[in-house]
PDB file of N, CA and C in Angstrom:
ATOM      1  N   MET A   1     -29.508 -81.326 -80.033  1.00  0.00           N
ATOM      2  CA  MET A   1     -28.445 -80.353 -79.962  1.00  0.00           C
ATOM      3  C   MET A   1     -27.109 -81.098 -79.847  1.00  0.00           C
ATOM      4  N   ALA A   2     -26.142 -80.686 -80.616  1.00  0.00           N
ATOM      5  CA  ALA A   2     -24.827 -81.327 -80.619  1.00  0.00           C
ATOM      6  C   ALA A   2     -23.995 -80.873 -79.415  1.00  0.00           C
ATOM      7  N   ASP A   3     -23.028 -81.704 -79.044  1.00  0.00           N
ATOM      8  CA  ASP A   3     -22.117 -81.352 -77.955  1.00  0.00           C
ATOM      9  C   ASP A   3     -21.205 -80.212 -78.389  1.00  0.00           C
ATOM     10  N   ILE A   4     -20.844 -79.383 -77.423  1.00  0.00           N
ATOM     11  CA  ILE A   4     -19.899 -78.300 -77.694  1.00  0.00           C
ATOM     12  C   ILE A   4     -18.502 -78.901 -77.751  1.00  0.00           C
ATOM     13  N   LYS A   5     -17.774 -78.621 -78.806  1.00  0.00           N
ATOM     14  CA  LYS A   5     -16.426 -79.172 -78.969  1.00  0.00           C
ATOM     15  C   LYS A   5     -15.339 -78.093 -78.913  1.00  0.00           C
ATOM     16  N   SER A   6     -15.708 -76.858 -79.140  1.00  0.00           N
ATOM     17  CA  SER A   6     -14.746 -75.773 -79.178  1.00  0.00           C
ATOM     18  C   SER A   6     -14.263 -75.434 -77.766  1.00  0.00           C
ATOM     19  N   PRO A   7     -12.937 -75.480 -77.535  1.00  0.00           N
ATOM     20  CA  PRO A   7     -12.420 -75.112 -76.210  1.00  0.00           C
ATOM     21  C   PRO A   7     -12.831 -73.698 -75.795  1.00  0.00           C
ATOM     22  N   ARG A   8     -12.882 -72.790 -76.740  1.00  0.00           N
ATOM     23  CA  ARG A   8     -13.269 -71.411 -76.433  1.00  0.00           C
ATOM     24  C   ARG A   8     -14.686 -71.364 -75.853  1.00  0.00           C
ATOM     25  N   TRP A   9     -15.620 -72.060 -76.510  1.00  0.00           N
ATOM     26  CA  TRP A   9     -17.006 -72.059 -76.047  1.00  0.00           C
ATOM     27  C   TRP A   9     -17.149 -72.819 -74.737  1.00  0.00           C
ATOM     28  N   LEU A  10     -16.336 -73.833 -74.539  1.00  0.00           N
ATOM     29  CA  LEU A  10     -16.370 -74.556 -73.261  1.00  0.00           C
ATOM     30  C   LEU A  10     -15.902 -73.655 -72.117  1.00  0.00           C
ATOM     31  N   TYR A  11     -14.862 -72.858 -72.354  1.00  0.00           N
ATOM     32  CA  TYR A  11     -14.422 -71.896 -71.335  1.00  0.00           C
ATOM     33  C   TYR A  11     -15.498 -70.842 -71.066  1.00  0.00           C
ATOM     34  N   ILE A  12     -16.143 -70.377 -72.130  1.00  0.00           N
ATOM     35  CA  ILE A  12     -17.223 -69.402 -71.963  1.00  0.00           C
ATOM     36  C   ILE A  12     -18.363 -70.015 -71.152  1.00  0.00           C
ATOM     37  N   LYS A  13     -18.713 -71.256 -71.453  1.00  0.00           N
ATOM     38  CA  LYS A  13     -19.767 -71.944 -70.710  1.00  0.00           C
ATOM     39  C   LYS A  13     -19.386 -72.073 -69.231  1.00  0.00           C
ATOM     40  N   GLY A  14     -18.140 -72.451 -68.964  1.00  0.00           N
ATOM     41  CA  GLY A  14     -17.672 -72.548 -67.581  1.00  0.00           C
ATOM     42  C   GLY A  14     -17.724 -71.210 -66.870  1.00  0.00           C
ATOM     43  N   ALA A  15     -17.323 -70.146 -67.562  1.00  0.00           N
ATOM     44  CA  ALA A  15     -17.360 -68.801 -66.976  1.00  0.00           C
ATOM     45  C   ALA A  15     -18.797 -68.373 -66.688  1.00  0.00           C
ATOM     46  N   LEU A  16     -19.719 -68.729 -67.564  1.00  0.00           N
ATOM     47  CA  LEU A  16     -21.128 -68.401 -67.333  1.00  0.00           C
ATOM     48  C   LEU A  16     -21.672 -69.128 -66.106  1.00  0.00           C
ATOM     49  N   PHE A  17     -21.245 -70.383 -65.892  1.00  0.00           N
ATOM     50  CA  PHE A  17     -21.656 -71.098 -64.683  1.00  0.00           C
ATOM     51  C   PHE A  17     -21.127 -70.407 -63.431  1.00  0.00           C
ATOM     52  N   VAL A  18     -19.880 -69.956 -63.488  1.00  0.00           N
ATOM     53  CA  VAL A  18     -19.306 -69.238 -62.343  1.00  0.00           C
ATOM     54  C   VAL A  18     -20.083 -67.942 -62.104  1.00  0.00           C
ATOM     55  N   CYS A  19     -20.372 -67.202 -63.156  1.00  0.00           N
ATOM     56  CA  CYS A  19     -21.147 -65.956 -63.014  1.00  0.00           C
ATOM     57  C   CYS A  19     -22.531 -66.229 -62.442  1.00  0.00           C
ATOM     58  N   LEU A  20     -23.180 -67.285 -62.904  1.00  0.00           N
ATOM     59  CA  LEU A  20     -24.492 -67.650 -62.391  1.00  0.00           C
ATOM     60  C   LEU A  20     -24.419 -67.995 -60.906  1.00  0.00           C
ATOM     61  N   GLY A  21     -23.400 -68.745 -60.508  1.00  0.00           N
ATOM     62  CA  GLY A  21     -23.226 -69.080 -59.101  1.00  0.00           C
ATOM     63  C   GLY A  21     -22.972 -67.860 -58.242  1.00  0.00           C
ATOM     64  N   ILE A  22     -22.150 -66.942 -58.726  1.00  0.00           N
ATOM     65  CA  ILE A  22     -21.875 -65.702 -57.986  1.00  0.00           C
ATOM     66  C   ILE A  22     -23.141 -64.861 -57.860  1.00  0.00           C
ATOM     67  N   LEU A  23     -23.892 -64.747 -58.952  1.00  0.00           N
ATOM     68  CA  LEU A  23     -25.128 -63.968 -58.929  1.00  0.00           C
ATOM     69  C   LEU A  23     -26.143 -64.572 -57.957  1.00  0.00           C
ATOM     70  N   ALA A  24     -26.337 -65.881 -58.027  1.00  0.00           N
ATOM     71  CA  ALA A  24     -27.291 -66.539 -57.130  1.00  0.00           C
ATOM     72  C   ALA A  24     -26.858 -66.389 -55.672  1.00  0.00           C
ATOM     73  N   SER A  25     -25.567 -66.541 -55.408  1.00  0.00           N
ATOM     74  CA  SER A  25     -25.062 -66.382 -54.043  1.00  0.00           C
ATOM     75  C   SER A  25     -25.260 -64.960 -53.545  1.00  0.00           C
ATOM     76  N   ALA A  26     -24.976 -63.992 -54.390  1.00  0.00           N
ATOM     77  CA  ALA A  26     -25.148 -62.589 -54.004  1.00  0.00           C
ATOM     78  C   ALA A  26     -26.608 -62.282 -53.715  1.00  0.00           C
ATOM     79  N   LEU A  27     -27.506 -62.785 -54.546  1.00  0.00           N
ATOM     80  CA  LEU A  27     -28.929 -62.548 -54.324  1.00  0.00           C
ATOM     81  C   LEU A  27     -29.416 -63.204 -53.029  1.00  0.00           C
ATOM     82  N   LEU A  28     -28.917 -64.395 -52.735  1.00  0.00           N
ATOM     83  CA  LEU A  28     -29.273 -65.046 -51.465  1.00  0.00           C
ATOM     84  C   LEU A  28     -28.773 -64.242 -50.269  1.00  0.00           C
ATOM     85  N   LEU A  29     -27.550 -63.741 -50.374  1.00  0.00           N
ATOM     86  CA  LEU A  29     -26.995 -62.952 -49.271  1.00  0.00           C
ATOM     87  C   LEU A  29     -27.691 -61.600 -49.133  1.00  0.00           C
ATOM     88  N   LEU A  30     -28.160 -61.051 -50.235  1.00  0.00           N
ATOM     89  CA  LEU A  30     -28.943 -59.807 -50.150  1.00  0.00           C
ATOM     90  C   LEU A  30     -30.307 -60.067 -49.516  1.00  0.00           C
ATOM     91  N   GLU A  31     -30.850 -61.248 -49.776  1.00  0.00           N
ATOM     92  CA  GLU A  31     -32.149 -61.620 -49.211  1.00  0.00           C
ATOM     93  C   GLU A  31     -32.069 -61.816 -47.699  1.00  0.00           C
ATOM     94  N   ALA A  32     -30.971 -62.441 -47.237  1.00  0.00           N
ATOM     95  CA  ALA A  32     -30.799 -62.706 -45.804  1.00  0.00           C
ATOM     96  C   ALA A  32     -29.334 -62.449 -45.434  1.00  0.00           C
ATOM     97  N   PRO A  33     -28.961 -61.182 -45.280  1.00  0.00           N
ATOM     98  CA  PRO A  33     -27.549 -60.846 -45.050  1.00  0.00           C
ATOM     99  C   PRO A  33     -27.098 -61.149 -43.616  1.00  0.00           C
ATOM    100  N   SER A  34     -26.460 -62.296 -43.463  1.00  0.00           N
ATOM    101  CA  SER A  34     -25.890 -62.633 -42.152  1.00  0.00           C
ATOM    102  C   SER A  34     -24.692 -63.552 -42.363  1.00  0.00           C
ATOM    103  N   VAL A  35     -23.843 -63.578 -41.382  1.00  0.00           N
ATOM    104  CA  VAL A  35     -22.663 -64.447 -41.452  1.00  0.00           C
ATOM    105  C   VAL A  35     -23.107 -65.905 -41.493  1.00  0.00           C
ATOM    106  N   ARG A  36     -24.125 -66.224 -40.739  1.00  0.00           N
ATOM    107  CA  ARG A  36     -24.626 -67.603 -40.689  1.00  0.00           C
ATOM    108  C   ARG A  36     -25.070 -68.064 -42.079  1.00  0.00           C
ATOM    109  N   VAL A  37     -25.830 -67.241 -42.771  1.00  0.00           N
ATOM    110  CA  VAL A  37     -26.293 -67.589 -44.119  1.00  0.00           C
ATOM    111  C   VAL A  37     -25.103 -67.722 -45.061  1.00  0.00           C
ATOM    112  N   ALA A  38     -24.127 -66.829 -44.963  1.00  0.00           N
ATOM    113  CA  ALA A  38     -22.940 -66.891 -45.825  1.00  0.00           C
ATOM    114  C   ALA A  38     -22.160 -68.183 -45.587  1.00  0.00           C
ATOM    115  N   VAL A  39     -21.995 -68.566 -44.332  1.00  0.00           N
ATOM    116  CA  VAL A  39     -21.257 -69.794 -44.014  1.00  0.00           C
ATOM    117  C   VAL A  39     -22.021 -71.017 -44.503  1.00  0.00           C
ATOM    118  N   LEU A  40     -23.323 -71.057 -44.253  1.00  0.00           N
ATOM    119  CA  LEU A  40     -24.124 -72.193 -44.723  1.00  0.00           C
ATOM    120  C   LEU A  40     -24.119 -72.293 -46.245  1.00  0.00           C
ATOM    121  N   LEU A  41     -24.174 -71.170 -46.927  1.00  0.00           N
ATOM    122  CA  LEU A  41     -24.104 -71.167 -48.386  1.00  0.00           C
ATOM    123  C   LEU A  41     -22.755 -71.692 -48.863  1.00  0.00           C
ATOM    124  N   ALA A  42     -21.684 -71.244 -48.216  1.00  0.00           N
ATOM    125  CA  ALA A  42     -20.344 -71.717 -48.588  1.00  0.00           C
ATOM    126  C   ALA A  42     -20.203 -73.222 -48.359  1.00  0.00           C
ATOM    127  N   VAL A  43     -20.704 -73.712 -47.246  1.00  0.00           N
ATOM    128  CA  VAL A  43     -20.638 -75.145 -46.958  1.00  0.00           C
ATOM    129  C   VAL A  43     -21.458 -75.940 -47.978  1.00  0.00           C
ATOM    130  N   ALA A  44     -22.638 -75.439 -48.331  1.00  0.00           N
ATOM    131  CA  ALA A  44     -23.473 -76.128 -49.313  1.00  0.00           C
ATOM    132  C   ALA A  44     -22.786 -76.191 -50.678  1.00  0.00           C
ATOM    133  N   VAL A  45     -22.213 -75.090 -51.105  1.00  0.00           N
ATOM    134  CA  VAL A  45     -21.509 -75.058 -52.395  1.00  0.00           C
ATOM    135  C   VAL A  45     -20.328 -76.025 -52.372  1.00  0.00           C
ATOM    136  N   TRP A  46     -19.544 -75.984 -51.294  1.00  0.00           N
ATOM    137  CA  TRP A  46     -18.385 -76.876 -51.169  1.00  0.00           C
ATOM    138  C   TRP A  46     -18.824 -78.338 -51.180  1.00  0.00           C
ATOM    139  N   ALA A  47     -19.873 -78.667 -50.418  1.00  0.00           N
ATOM    140  CA  ALA A  47     -20.329 -80.051 -50.320  1.00  0.00           C
ATOM    141  C   ALA A  47     -20.849 -80.575 -51.659  1.00  0.00           C
ATOM    142  N   PHE A  48     -21.619 -79.759 -52.370  1.00  0.00           N
ATOM    143  CA  PHE A  48     -22.110 -80.198 -53.674  1.00  0.00           C
ATOM    144  C   PHE A  48     -20.976 -80.333 -54.692  1.00  0.00           C
ATOM    145  N   ALA A  49     -19.983 -79.465 -54.619  1.00  0.00           N
ATOM    146  CA  ALA A  49     -18.826 -79.585 -55.513  1.00  0.00           C
ATOM    147  C   ALA A  49     -18.064 -80.876 -55.237  1.00  0.00           C
ATOM    148  N   ARG A  50     -17.886 -81.213 -53.966  1.00  0.00           N
ATOM    149  CA  ARG A  50     -17.204 -82.461 -53.603  1.00  0.00           C
ATOM    150  C   ARG A  50     -18.023 -83.676 -54.030  1.00  0.00           C
ATOM    151  N   ALA A  51     -19.350 -83.613 -53.889  1.00  0.00           N
ATOM    152  CA  ALA A  51     -20.205 -84.721 -54.312  1.00  0.00           C
ATOM    153  C   ALA A  51     -20.129 -84.909 -55.826  1.00  0.00           C
ATOM    154  N   TYR A  52     -20.101 -83.817 -56.566  1.00  0.00           N
ATOM    155  CA  TYR A  52     -19.988 -83.882 -58.023  1.00  0.00           C
ATOM    156  C   TYR A  52     -18.641 -84.489 -58.418  1.00  0.00           C
ATOM    157  N   TYR A  53     -17.577 -84.047 -57.741  1.00  0.00           N
ATOM    158  CA  TYR A  53     -16.244 -84.603 -57.971  1.00  0.00           C
ATOM    159  C   TYR A  53     -16.251 -86.099 -57.689  1.00  0.00           C
ATOM    160  N   PHE A  54     -16.864 -86.504 -56.595  1.00  0.00           N
ATOM    161  CA  PHE A  54     -16.946 -87.919 -56.255  1.00  0.00           C
ATOM    162  C   PHE A  54     -17.682 -88.697 -57.337  1.00  0.00           C
ATOM    163  N   ALA A  55     -18.842 -88.165 -57.771  1.00  0.00           N
ATOM    164  CA  ALA A  55     -19.663 -88.868 -58.751  1.00  0.00           C
ATOM    165  C   ALA A  55     -18.940 -89.078 -60.069  1.00  0.00           C
ATOM    166  N   PHE A  56     -18.113 -88.146 -60.453  1.00  0.00           N
ATOM    167  CA  PHE A  56     -17.495 -88.270 -61.766  1.00  0.00           C
ATOM    168  C   PHE A  56     -16.034 -88.669 -61.738  1.00  0.00           C
ATOM    169  N   TYR A  57     -15.240 -88.116 -60.864  1.00  0.00           N
ATOM    170  CA  TYR A  57     -13.821 -88.434 -60.894  1.00  0.00           C
ATOM    171  C   TYR A  57     -13.493 -89.655 -60.041  1.00  0.00           C
ATOM    172  N   VAL A  58     -13.896 -89.645 -58.801  1.00  0.00           N
ATOM    173  CA  VAL A  58     -13.537 -90.731 -57.886  1.00  0.00           C
ATOM    174  C   VAL A  58     -14.132 -92.051 -58.345  1.00  0.00           C
ATOM    175  N   VAL A  59     -15.423 -92.060 -58.653  1.00  0.00           N
ATOM    176  CA  VAL A  59     -16.051 -93.309 -59.077  1.00  0.00           C
ATOM    177  C   VAL A  59     -15.430 -93.815 -60.362  1.00  0.00           C
ATOM    178  N   GLU A  60     -15.221 -92.929 -61.310  1.00  0.00           N
ATOM    179  CA  GLU A  60     -14.689 -93.342 -62.611  1.00  0.00           C
ATOM    180  C   GLU A  60     -13.232 -93.793 -62.530  1.00  0.00           C
ATOM    181  N   HIS A  61     -12.419 -93.157 -61.696  1.00  0.00           N
ATOM    182  CA  HIS A  61     -10.995 -93.476 -61.658  1.00  0.00           C
ATOM    183  C   HIS A  61     -10.591 -94.457 -60.569  1.00  0.00           C
ATOM    184  N   TYR A  62     -11.365 -94.576 -59.512  1.00  0.00           N
ATOM    185  CA  TYR A  62     -10.954 -95.427 -58.400  1.00  0.00           C
ATOM    186  C   TYR A  62     -11.913 -96.577 -58.107  1.00  0.00           C
ATOM    187  N   ILE A  63     -13.193 -96.428 -58.413  1.00  0.00           N
ATOM    188  CA  ILE A  63     -14.156 -97.465 -58.059  1.00  0.00           C
ATOM    189  C   ILE A  63     -14.523 -98.328 -59.258  1.00  0.00           C
ATOM    190  N   ASP A  64     -14.883 -97.704 -60.380  1.00  0.00           N
ATOM    191  CA  ASP A  64     -15.331 -98.454 -61.557  1.00  0.00           C
ATOM    192  C   ASP A  64     -14.765 -97.795 -62.809  1.00  0.00           C
ATOM    193  N   ASP A  65     -13.530 -98.173 -63.151  1.00  0.00           N
ATOM    194  CA  ASP A  65     -12.862 -97.515 -64.283  1.00  0.00           C
ATOM    195  C   ASP A  65     -13.422 -97.916 -65.640  1.00  0.00           C
ATOM    196  N   GLY A  66     -14.323 -98.878 -65.688  1.00  0.00           N
ATOM    197  CA  GLY A  66     -14.897 -99.295 -66.953  1.00  0.00           C
ATOM    198  C   GLY A  66     -16.170 -98.555 -67.319  1.00  0.00           C
ATOM    199  N   TYR A  67     -16.633 -97.676 -66.449  1.00  0.00           N
ATOM    200  CA  TYR A  67     -17.892 -96.983 -66.714  1.00  0.00           C
ATOM    201  C   TYR A  67     -17.646 -95.494 -66.900  1.00  0.00           C
ATOM    202  N   ARG A  68     -18.266 -94.911 -67.915  1.00  0.00           N
ATOM    203  CA  ARG A  68     -18.146 -93.482 -68.176  1.00  0.00           C
ATOM    204  C   ARG A  68     -19.510 -92.846 -67.951  1.00  0.00           C
ATOM    205  N   PHE A  69     -19.563 -91.878 -67.073  1.00  0.00           N
ATOM    206  CA  PHE A  69     -20.817 -91.239 -66.713  1.00  0.00           C
ATOM    207  C   PHE A  69     -21.128 -90.101 -67.662  1.00  0.00           C
ATOM    208  N   ALA A  70     -22.387 -89.999 -68.029  1.00  0.00           N
ATOM    209  CA  ALA A  70     -22.819 -88.955 -68.945  1.00  0.00           C
ATOM    210  C   ALA A  70     -23.517 -87.812 -68.224  1.00  0.00           C
ATOM    211  N   GLY A  71     -23.752 -87.956 -66.944  1.00  0.00           N
ATOM    212  CA  GLY A  71     -24.441 -86.927 -66.175  1.00  0.00           C
ATOM    213  C   GLY A  71     -24.901 -87.501 -64.851  1.00  0.00           C
ATOM    214  N   LEU A  72     -25.514 -86.666 -64.048  1.00  0.00           N
ATOM    215  CA  LEU A  72     -25.943 -87.117 -62.725  1.00  0.00           C
ATOM    216  C   LEU A  72     -27.006 -88.208 -62.802  1.00  0.00           C
ATOM    217  N   LEU A  73     -27.923 -88.126 -63.756  1.00  0.00           N
ATOM    218  CA  LEU A  73     -28.920 -89.187 -63.903  1.00  0.00           C
ATOM    219  C   LEU A  73     -28.268 -90.502 -64.310  1.00  0.00           C
ATOM    220  N   SER A  74     -27.283 -90.433 -65.178  1.00  0.00           N
ATOM    221  CA  SER A  74     -26.536 -91.621 -65.563  1.00  0.00           C
ATOM    222  C   SER A  74     -25.839 -92.223 -64.349  1.00  0.00           C
ATOM    223  N   PHE A  75     -25.263 -91.376 -63.516  1.00  0.00           N
ATOM    224  CA  PHE A  75     -24.603 -91.837 -62.296  1.00  0.00           C
ATOM    225  C   PHE A  75     -25.605 -92.515 -61.351  1.00  0.00           C
ATOM    226  N   LEU A  76     -26.765 -91.910 -61.158  1.00  0.00           N
ATOM    227  CA  LEU A  76     -27.780 -92.496 -60.274  1.00  0.00           C
ATOM    228  C   LEU A  76     -28.278 -93.832 -60.810  1.00  0.00           C
ATOM    229  N   ARG A  77     -28.482 -93.924 -62.121  1.00  0.00           N
ATOM    230  CA  ARG A  77     -28.890 -95.201 -62.723  1.00  0.00           C
ATOM    231  C   ARG A  77     -27.820 -96.261 -62.498  1.00  0.00           C
ATOM    232  N   HIS A  78     -26.576 -95.888 -62.688  1.00  0.00           N
ATOM    233  CA  HIS A  78     -25.468 -96.829 -62.505  1.00  0.00           C
ATOM    234  C   HIS A  78     -25.405 -97.324 -61.062  1.00  0.00           C
ATOM    235  N   VAL A  79     -25.541 -96.428 -60.117  1.00  0.00           N
ATOM    236  CA  VAL A  79     -25.470 -96.801 -58.699  1.00  0.00           C
ATOM    237  C   VAL A  79     -26.641 -97.698 -58.314  1.00  0.00           C
ATOM    238  N   THR A  80     -27.856 -97.353 -58.758  1.00  0.00           N
ATOM    239  CA  THR A  80     -29.007 -98.171 -58.380  1.00  0.00           C
ATOM    240  C   THR A  80     -28.964 -99.542 -59.046  1.00  0.00           C
ATOM    241  N   ARG A  81     -28.521 -99.630 -60.262  1.00  0.00           N
ATOM    242  CA  ARG A  81     -28.393-100.939 -60.932  1.00  0.00           C
ATOM    243  C   ARG A  81     -27.316-101.768 -60.261  1.00  0.00           C
ATOM    244  N   ARG A  82     -26.250-101.144 -59.873  1.00  0.00           N
ATOM    245  CA  ARG A  82     -25.126-101.865 -59.261  1.00  0.00           C
ATOM    246  C   ARG A  82     -25.530-102.447 -57.915  1.00  0.00           C
ATOM    247  N   HIS A  83     -26.361-101.732 -57.158  1.00  0.00           N
ATOM    248  CA  HIS A  83     -26.769-102.225 -55.840  1.00  0.00           C
ATOM    249  C   HIS A  83     -27.836-103.306 -55.932  1.00  0.00           C
ATOM    250  N   ARG A  84     -28.526-103.411 -57.047  1.00  0.00           N
ATOM    251  CA  ARG A  84     -29.524-104.474 -57.227  1.00  0.00           C
ATOM    252  C   ARG A  84     -28.860-105.810 -57.504  1.00  0.00           C
ATOM    253  N   ARG A  85     -27.685-105.766 -58.136  1.00  0.00           N
ATOM    254  CA  ARG A  85     -26.958-107.005 -58.442  1.00  0.00           C
ATOM    255  C   ARG A  85     -26.274-107.531 -57.191  1.00  0.00           C
ATOM    256  N   PRO A  86     -26.171-108.832 -57.075  1.00  0.00           N
ATOM    257  CA  PRO A  86     -25.375-109.364 -55.955  1.00  0.00           C
ATOM    258  C   PRO A  86     -23.901-109.036 -56.164  1.00  0.00           C
ATOM    259  N   LEU A  87     -23.212-108.665 -55.098  1.00  0.00           N
ATOM    260  CA  LEU A  87     -21.796-108.291 -55.205  1.00  0.00           C
ATOM    261  C   LEU A  87     -20.900-109.492 -55.240  1.00  0.00           C
TER     262      LEU A  87
END
């Protein structure tokens, strides 16, 4: 499958991810409706978003500007290979 290049389709894809996240969050809150669950869900979403930002933006722009990550598996391979080498 080829990469999506159209900005319109990329925006649609992003909107679908947001809709999926909202739907999943709503279903979780319907399953266990409490403030505690809502707060834990919000913290989990925030933490994973920050980790994703770190994996792609921070590492690429501040730690290793010569490497371009293609996805989370690519990032994990890069990190594990880097730690095997002597610094």
